[in-house]
Every structure is written in C-alpha cells, then in structure tokens.
C-alpha cells in the first residue's frame, strides 16, 4: 500500500468517525447507511448486540429523548489498516443538553471496531461502545 493511499484512507476514516458523531447529534437516522455497512454489528451496554442496519437504526430512533440534544466530540483516533479492512478506536465525550441550557449530563466512552472499504467509502462493519464514566450536573 502506498503512503498516499494510507494517508487518504486515514483521512477518510477520521471523516467517518466525525460523520457518525454528526449523524447522532443531528438525529439523521435515515443517513445511517452512510456510516454503517448493511450487515453491521453494534455492541453497546444499552442495546446489547444489534445485528443489521435496520436494528441499529431502530435502536437509535427509540433512544432519542424529546427535547434533548447531544454533542459528541471524538478524539485520539487510532487506525490499523490492512487493505480494505481496518481496526480503529477513538474516545468520545458526549454532552447532553436542552436548547439554550448548559449540559445536564456528560459521559466519556471508547468506540472501537472493524471498518470495511465499500464502493461508497469506508463503513463501520462492527462497532463496540464502551462507557468509561458519566456525570450528572
């Protein structure tokens, strides 16, 4: 793999993590296929093991709280490329708030998983969400 390809892949994967955070913050569930593979598997403490894009979207929709917004900040991305597959992990700080108010709940978590290159770009094939801490304000 050339250095240029590796750099391009890393930039596209960083963009994937950012697009996922924005999708969650903006509650654009209909765009989940732009970040997840159709056969995605997501492991989370709240949802357990979710298999398939439809199950993941259904879980995200049901988890939305009326009037509550979220802001996800993703950092410390690590990527291990292997051709059309990659292992990646990052930390995320999540602030939950109501419009015009300071956050009432914050949390830190680690996301890790397997990514795959598709004809439409990099997608999460498997994702593990592991909370580290929470704080109510």
N, C-alpha and C. Protein backbone atom coordinates (compact mmCIF):
# COMPACT_ATOMS: atom_id res chain seq x y z
N UNK A 1 0.86 -1.16 0.00
CA UNK A 1 0.00 0.00 0.00
C UNK A 1 0.90 1.23 0.00
N UNK A 2 0.63 2.14 -0.89
CA UNK A 2 1.45 3.34 -0.98
C UNK A 2 1.18 4.27 0.20
N UNK A 3 2.12 5.14 0.47
CA UNK A 3 1.95 6.12 1.54
C UNK A 3 0.76 7.02 1.26
N UNK A 4 0.58 7.43 -0.01
CA UNK A 4 -0.55 8.28 -0.37
C UNK A 4 -1.88 7.59 -0.08
N UNK A 5 -1.97 6.31 -0.41
CA UNK A 5 -3.20 5.55 -0.15
C UNK A 5 -3.45 5.45 1.34
N UNK A 6 -2.42 5.17 2.11
CA UNK A 6 -2.54 5.06 3.55
C UNK A 6 -3.03 6.38 4.16
N UNK A 7 -2.46 7.48 3.73
CA UNK A 7 -2.86 8.79 4.24
C UNK A 7 -4.31 9.08 3.86
N UNK A 8 -4.67 8.81 2.62
CA UNK A 8 -6.04 9.02 2.17
C UNK A 8 -7.02 8.18 2.99
N UNK A 9 -6.69 6.90 3.20
CA UNK A 9 -7.55 6.03 4.00
C UNK A 9 -7.72 6.56 5.41
N UNK A 10 -6.65 7.00 6.04
CA UNK A 10 -6.72 7.52 7.40
C UNK A 10 -7.58 8.78 7.47
N UNK A 11 -7.47 9.64 6.48
CA UNK A 11 -8.31 10.85 6.45
C UNK A 11 -9.78 10.46 6.28
N UNK A 12 -10.05 9.51 5.39
CA UNK A 12 -11.43 9.07 5.17
C UNK A 12 -12.00 8.40 6.41
N UNK A 13 -11.19 7.66 7.15
CA UNK A 13 -11.66 7.00 8.37
C UNK A 13 -11.92 8.04 9.47
N UNK A 14 -11.05 9.03 9.59
CA UNK A 14 -11.29 10.12 10.55
C UNK A 14 -12.60 10.82 10.20
N UNK A 15 -12.83 11.05 8.91
CA UNK A 15 -14.07 11.66 8.45
C UNK A 15 -15.27 10.78 8.80
N UNK A 16 -15.13 9.47 8.70
CA UNK A 16 -16.21 8.55 9.04
C UNK A 16 -16.61 8.71 10.51
N UNK A 17 -15.62 8.78 11.40
CA UNK A 17 -15.93 8.97 12.82
C UNK A 17 -16.64 10.30 13.04
N UNK A 18 -16.20 11.36 12.37
CA UNK A 18 -16.84 12.68 12.51
C UNK A 18 -18.26 12.64 11.95
N UNK A 19 -18.46 11.99 10.81
CA UNK A 19 -19.81 11.91 10.22
C UNK A 19 -20.75 11.12 11.12
N UNK A 20 -20.23 10.08 11.77
CA UNK A 20 -21.04 9.30 12.71
C UNK A 20 -21.48 10.18 13.89
N UNK A 21 -20.56 10.96 14.45
CA UNK A 21 -20.90 11.85 15.56
C UNK A 21 -21.97 12.86 15.15
N UNK A 22 -21.81 13.46 13.97
CA UNK A 22 -22.78 14.44 13.48
C UNK A 22 -24.14 13.79 13.23
N UNK A 23 -24.14 12.59 12.68
CA UNK A 23 -25.39 11.87 12.45
C UNK A 23 -26.15 11.70 13.77
N UNK A 24 -25.42 11.32 14.83
CA UNK A 24 -26.06 11.17 16.14
C UNK A 24 -26.57 12.51 16.66
N UNK A 25 -25.72 13.54 16.60
CA UNK A 25 -26.10 14.85 17.12
C UNK A 25 -27.30 15.44 16.39
N UNK A 26 -27.36 15.23 15.08
CA UNK A 26 -28.43 15.81 14.26
C UNK A 26 -29.63 14.88 14.09
N UNK A 27 -29.54 13.70 14.68
CA UNK A 27 -30.62 12.70 14.65
C UNK A 27 -31.04 12.38 13.21
N UNK A 28 -30.05 12.21 12.35
CA UNK A 28 -30.31 11.89 10.95
C UNK A 28 -30.26 10.37 10.75
N UNK A 29 -31.17 9.67 11.36
CA UNK A 29 -31.16 8.20 11.34
C UNK A 29 -31.23 7.67 9.92
N UNK A 30 -31.92 8.38 9.02
CA UNK A 30 -32.06 7.91 7.64
C UNK A 30 -30.71 7.88 6.91
N UNK A 31 -29.69 8.53 7.45
CA UNK A 31 -28.36 8.54 6.83
C UNK A 31 -27.42 7.49 7.42
N UNK A 32 -27.95 6.58 8.24
CA UNK A 32 -27.09 5.58 8.89
C UNK A 32 -26.31 4.73 7.90
N UNK A 33 -26.86 4.51 6.71
CA UNK A 33 -26.16 3.74 5.69
C UNK A 33 -24.91 4.43 5.15
N UNK A 34 -24.74 5.71 5.48
CA UNK A 34 -23.53 6.41 5.05
C UNK A 34 -22.37 6.19 6.02
N UNK A 35 -22.64 5.57 7.17
CA UNK A 35 -21.57 5.29 8.12
C UNK A 35 -21.47 3.80 8.50
N UNK A 36 -22.56 3.05 8.33
CA UNK A 36 -22.58 1.63 8.68
C UNK A 36 -22.74 0.76 7.44
N UNK A 37 -22.07 -0.39 7.45
CA UNK A 37 -22.32 -1.42 6.44
C UNK A 37 -23.70 -2.01 6.70
N UNK A 38 -24.33 -2.56 5.67
CA UNK A 38 -25.67 -3.14 5.83
C UNK A 38 -25.69 -4.25 6.87
N UNK A 39 -24.61 -5.02 6.97
CA UNK A 39 -24.55 -6.15 7.89
C UNK A 39 -23.81 -5.81 9.19
N UNK A 40 -23.83 -4.54 9.57
CA UNK A 40 -23.12 -4.07 10.76
C UNK A 40 -23.57 -4.82 12.01
N UNK A 41 -22.64 -4.96 12.95
CA UNK A 41 -22.94 -5.49 14.28
C UNK A 41 -22.46 -4.44 15.27
N UNK A 42 -23.37 -3.97 16.13
CA UNK A 42 -23.03 -2.98 17.15
C UNK A 42 -23.23 -3.61 18.52
N UNK A 43 -22.22 -3.45 19.37
CA UNK A 43 -22.28 -3.93 20.75
C UNK A 43 -22.29 -2.70 21.65
N UNK A 44 -23.35 -2.55 22.45
CA UNK A 44 -23.40 -1.44 23.39
C UNK A 44 -24.05 -1.91 24.68
N UNK A 45 -23.73 -1.26 25.79
CA UNK A 45 -24.32 -1.68 27.06
C UNK A 45 -25.84 -1.51 27.09
N UNK A 46 -26.35 -0.48 26.44
CA UNK A 46 -27.80 -0.24 26.44
C UNK A 46 -28.54 -1.11 25.45
N UNK A 47 -27.94 -1.37 24.29
CA UNK A 47 -28.63 -2.10 23.24
C UNK A 47 -28.26 -3.56 23.13
N UNK A 48 -27.21 -3.98 23.84
CA UNK A 48 -26.73 -5.34 23.69
C UNK A 48 -26.08 -5.50 22.33
N UNK A 49 -26.33 -6.62 21.68
CA UNK A 49 -25.79 -6.85 20.34
C UNK A 49 -26.89 -6.60 19.32
N UNK A 50 -26.64 -5.64 18.44
CA UNK A 50 -27.59 -5.28 17.38
C UNK A 50 -26.99 -5.71 16.05
N UNK A 51 -27.71 -6.52 15.30
CA UNK A 51 -27.22 -7.03 14.02
C UNK A 51 -28.04 -6.47 12.87
N UNK A 52 -27.35 -5.80 11.95
CA UNK A 52 -28.01 -5.28 10.76
C UNK A 52 -28.37 -3.81 10.90
N UNK A 53 -28.33 -3.14 9.77
CA UNK A 53 -28.58 -1.70 9.72
C UNK A 53 -29.95 -1.34 10.27
N UNK A 54 -30.99 -2.10 9.92
CA UNK A 54 -32.35 -1.79 10.39
C UNK A 54 -32.45 -1.85 11.91
N UNK A 55 -31.82 -2.83 12.53
CA UNK A 55 -31.87 -2.95 14.00
C UNK A 55 -31.15 -1.78 14.65
N UNK A 56 -30.00 -1.39 14.10
CA UNK A 56 -29.22 -0.28 14.65
C UNK A 56 -30.02 1.02 14.54
N UNK A 57 -30.63 1.26 13.38
CA UNK A 57 -31.42 2.47 13.19
C UNK A 57 -32.62 2.48 14.14
N UNK A 58 -33.28 1.35 14.29
CA UNK A 58 -34.41 1.27 15.21
C UNK A 58 -34.00 1.59 16.64
N UNK A 59 -32.86 1.10 17.05
CA UNK A 59 -32.37 1.37 18.40
C UNK A 59 -32.05 2.86 18.58
N UNK A 60 -31.41 3.47 17.57
CA UNK A 60 -31.09 4.89 17.67
C UNK A 60 -32.37 5.73 17.74
N UNK A 61 -33.36 5.37 16.94
CA UNK A 61 -34.64 6.12 16.96
C UNK A 61 -35.31 6.03 18.34
N UNK A 62 -35.36 4.83 18.89
CA UNK A 62 -36.06 4.64 20.16
C UNK A 62 -35.31 5.29 21.32
N UNK A 63 -34.00 5.48 21.19
CA UNK A 63 -33.21 6.08 22.25
C UNK A 63 -33.28 7.59 22.30
N UNK A 64 -33.83 8.21 21.27
CA UNK A 64 -33.93 9.68 21.24
C UNK A 64 -34.89 10.16 22.32
N UNK A 65 -34.47 11.18 23.07
CA UNK A 65 -35.29 11.75 24.13
C UNK A 65 -35.82 13.09 23.65
N UNK A 66 -37.12 13.27 23.72
CA UNK A 66 -37.77 14.51 23.26
C UNK A 66 -37.16 15.72 23.97
N UNK A 67 -36.73 16.71 23.19
CA UNK A 67 -36.20 17.95 23.74
C UNK A 67 -34.74 17.89 24.15
N UNK A 68 -34.14 16.73 24.10
CA UNK A 68 -32.73 16.59 24.50
C UNK A 68 -31.85 16.56 23.27
N UNK A 69 -30.77 17.31 23.32
CA UNK A 69 -29.78 17.34 22.25
C UNK A 69 -28.49 16.70 22.75
N UNK A 70 -27.61 16.35 21.82
CA UNK A 70 -26.31 15.79 22.19
C UNK A 70 -25.23 16.42 21.33
N UNK A 71 -24.06 16.51 21.90
CA UNK A 71 -22.89 16.96 21.16
C UNK A 71 -21.77 15.97 21.46
N UNK A 72 -21.34 15.26 20.40
CA UNK A 72 -20.27 14.27 20.50
C UNK A 72 -18.97 14.89 20.03
N UNK A 73 -17.93 14.75 20.83
CA UNK A 73 -16.59 15.19 20.45
C UNK A 73 -15.70 13.96 20.42
N UNK A 74 -15.12 13.67 19.27
CA UNK A 74 -14.33 12.47 19.08
C UNK A 74 -12.85 12.85 19.02
N UNK A 75 -12.02 12.04 19.70
CA UNK A 75 -10.60 12.36 19.77
C UNK A 75 -9.77 11.07 19.86
N UNK A 76 -8.46 11.24 19.72
CA UNK A 76 -7.48 10.15 19.90
C UNK A 76 -7.78 8.94 19.01
N UNK A 77 -8.05 9.20 17.75
CA UNK A 77 -8.33 8.15 16.79
C UNK A 77 -7.05 7.36 16.48
N UNK A 78 -7.15 6.06 16.59
CA UNK A 78 -6.07 5.15 16.20
C UNK A 78 -6.59 4.21 15.13
N UNK A 79 -5.80 4.02 14.07
CA UNK A 79 -6.22 3.20 12.93
C UNK A 79 -5.12 2.22 12.58
N UNK A 80 -5.49 0.96 12.41
CA UNK A 80 -4.57 -0.08 11.94
C UNK A 80 -5.14 -0.59 10.62
N UNK A 81 -4.54 -0.16 9.51
CA UNK A 81 -5.02 -0.51 8.17
C UNK A 81 -4.51 -1.87 7.73
N UNK A 82 -5.37 -2.60 7.03
CA UNK A 82 -4.99 -3.87 6.43
C UNK A 82 -5.78 -4.03 5.14
N UNK A 83 -5.32 -3.36 4.08
CA UNK A 83 -6.01 -3.41 2.79
C UNK A 83 -7.36 -2.73 2.88
N UNK A 84 -8.42 -3.52 2.58
CA UNK A 84 -9.78 -2.98 2.59
C UNK A 84 -10.47 -3.12 3.94
N UNK A 85 -9.71 -3.48 4.97
CA UNK A 85 -10.23 -3.59 6.33
C UNK A 85 -9.37 -2.72 7.24
N UNK A 86 -9.93 -2.32 8.36
CA UNK A 86 -9.17 -1.56 9.34
C UNK A 86 -9.76 -1.82 10.72
N UNK A 87 -8.90 -1.78 11.71
CA UNK A 87 -9.32 -1.76 13.10
C UNK A 87 -9.11 -0.32 13.56
N UNK A 88 -10.10 0.26 14.21
CA UNK A 88 -10.00 1.65 14.63
C UNK A 88 -10.64 1.83 15.99
N UNK A 89 -10.11 2.79 16.74
CA UNK A 89 -10.70 3.13 18.03
C UNK A 89 -10.54 4.63 18.27
N UNK A 90 -11.42 5.16 19.10
CA UNK A 90 -11.38 6.58 19.45
C UNK A 90 -12.10 6.77 20.77
N UNK A 91 -11.82 7.90 21.39
CA UNK A 91 -12.56 8.30 22.58
C UNK A 91 -13.61 9.32 22.18
N UNK A 92 -14.68 9.39 22.95
CA UNK A 92 -15.73 10.35 22.67
C UNK A 92 -16.22 10.95 23.99
N UNK A 93 -16.35 12.26 23.99
CA UNK A 93 -17.02 12.97 25.08
C UNK A 93 -18.39 13.34 24.57
N UNK A 94 -19.41 13.08 25.36
CA UNK A 94 -20.77 13.36 24.93
C UNK A 94 -21.43 14.27 25.95
N UNK A 95 -21.95 15.38 25.46
CA UNK A 95 -22.65 16.36 26.29
C UNK A 95 -24.13 16.32 25.91
N UNK A 96 -24.99 16.09 26.91
CA UNK A 96 -26.43 16.09 26.69
C UNK A 96 -27.00 17.38 27.28
N UNK A 97 -27.81 18.07 26.49
CA UNK A 97 -28.32 19.38 26.90
C UNK A 97 -29.68 19.63 26.28
N UNK A 98 -30.33 20.65 26.77
CA UNK A 98 -31.57 21.15 26.18
C UNK A 98 -31.24 22.49 25.55
N UNK A 99 -31.90 22.82 24.46
CA UNK A 99 -31.58 24.06 23.73
C UNK A 99 -31.43 25.25 24.67
N UNK A 100 -30.32 25.96 24.52
CA UNK A 100 -30.06 27.17 25.29
C UNK A 100 -29.61 26.94 26.72
N UNK A 101 -29.43 25.69 27.13
CA UNK A 101 -29.04 25.38 28.50
C UNK A 101 -27.70 24.66 28.52
N UNK A 102 -27.01 24.77 29.64
CA UNK A 102 -25.76 24.04 29.83
C UNK A 102 -26.06 22.54 29.91
N UNK A 103 -25.07 21.69 29.62
CA UNK A 103 -25.30 20.25 29.70
C UNK A 103 -25.78 19.81 31.09
N UNK A 104 -26.71 18.87 31.10
CA UNK A 104 -27.20 18.30 32.35
C UNK A 104 -26.61 16.91 32.59
N UNK A 105 -25.93 16.38 31.58
CA UNK A 105 -25.34 15.04 31.70
C UNK A 105 -24.18 14.96 30.72
N UNK A 106 -23.06 14.42 31.15
CA UNK A 106 -21.92 14.21 30.26
C UNK A 106 -21.41 12.79 30.46
N UNK A 107 -20.72 12.32 29.46
CA UNK A 107 -20.14 10.98 29.55
C UNK A 107 -18.93 10.84 28.66
N UNK A 108 -18.06 9.94 29.05
CA UNK A 108 -16.90 9.60 28.24
C UNK A 108 -16.99 8.15 27.84
N UNK A 109 -16.63 7.85 26.61
CA UNK A 109 -16.69 6.47 26.15
C UNK A 109 -15.58 6.19 25.15
N UNK A 110 -15.37 4.93 24.90
CA UNK A 110 -14.43 4.48 23.89
C UNK A 110 -15.22 3.73 22.85
N UNK A 111 -14.95 4.04 21.59
CA UNK A 111 -15.54 3.30 20.47
C UNK A 111 -14.41 2.55 19.78
N UNK A 112 -14.65 1.31 19.46
CA UNK A 112 -13.66 0.52 18.75
C UNK A 112 -14.39 -0.42 17.81
N UNK A 113 -13.71 -0.80 16.74
CA UNK A 113 -14.35 -1.73 15.84
C UNK A 113 -13.62 -1.97 14.56
N UNK A 114 -14.30 -2.69 13.70
CA UNK A 114 -13.78 -3.07 12.40
C UNK A 114 -14.48 -2.23 11.34
N UNK A 115 -13.68 -1.71 10.43
CA UNK A 115 -14.20 -0.92 9.32
C UNK A 115 -13.89 -1.65 8.03
N UNK A 116 -14.71 -1.41 7.03
CA UNK A 116 -14.50 -2.03 5.72
C UNK A 116 -14.65 -0.99 4.63
N UNK A 117 -13.84 -1.14 3.59
CA UNK A 117 -13.96 -0.26 2.44
C UNK A 117 -15.04 -0.82 1.53
N UNK A 118 -16.03 0.00 1.21
CA UNK A 118 -17.10 -0.38 0.29
C UNK A 118 -16.97 0.48 -0.96
N UNK A 119 -17.72 0.18 -2.01
CA UNK A 119 -17.69 1.05 -3.19
C UNK A 119 -18.08 2.49 -2.87
N UNK A 120 -18.85 2.69 -1.79
CA UNK A 120 -19.28 4.04 -1.39
C UNK A 120 -18.34 4.68 -0.37
N UNK A 121 -17.27 3.98 0.02
CA UNK A 121 -16.32 4.51 1.01
C UNK A 121 -16.26 3.63 2.24
N UNK A 122 -15.50 4.07 3.23
CA UNK A 122 -15.32 3.32 4.48
C UNK A 122 -16.62 3.31 5.29
N UNK A 123 -16.92 2.15 5.90
CA UNK A 123 -18.10 1.98 6.74
C UNK A 123 -17.74 1.16 7.97
N UNK A 124 -18.47 1.38 9.06
CA UNK A 124 -18.32 0.53 10.24
C UNK A 124 -18.95 -0.83 9.93
N UNK A 125 -18.18 -1.89 10.11
CA UNK A 125 -18.70 -3.26 9.95
C UNK A 125 -19.09 -3.81 11.32
N UNK A 126 -18.27 -3.50 12.32
CA UNK A 126 -18.57 -3.88 13.70
C UNK A 126 -18.14 -2.72 14.59
N UNK A 127 -18.96 -2.43 15.60
CA UNK A 127 -18.65 -1.31 16.49
C UNK A 127 -18.93 -1.74 17.92
N UNK A 128 -17.98 -1.42 18.80
CA UNK A 128 -18.15 -1.68 20.22
C UNK A 128 -18.11 -0.33 20.95
N UNK A 129 -19.12 -0.09 21.76
CA UNK A 129 -19.22 1.16 22.52
C UNK A 129 -19.05 0.79 24.00
N UNK A 130 -18.01 1.40 24.61
CA UNK A 130 -17.68 1.06 25.99
C UNK A 130 -17.62 2.33 26.85
N UNK A 131 -18.66 2.58 27.65
CA UNK A 131 -18.65 3.77 28.52
C UNK A 131 -17.51 3.69 29.52
N UNK A 132 -16.91 4.84 29.80
CA UNK A 132 -15.84 4.93 30.79
C UNK A 132 -16.32 5.63 32.06
N UNK A 133 -17.15 6.68 31.90
CA UNK A 133 -17.64 7.44 33.05
C UNK A 133 -18.86 8.27 32.63
N UNK A 134 -19.64 8.67 33.62
CA UNK A 134 -20.77 9.58 33.40
C UNK A 134 -20.82 10.57 34.56
N UNK A 135 -21.45 11.70 34.29
CA UNK A 135 -21.61 12.71 35.33
C UNK A 135 -22.92 13.45 35.11
N UNK A 136 -23.76 13.48 36.15
CA UNK A 136 -24.97 14.30 36.10
C UNK A 136 -24.65 15.64 36.71
N UNK A 137 -25.18 16.68 36.12
CA UNK A 137 -24.91 18.04 36.60
C UNK A 137 -26.08 18.57 37.38
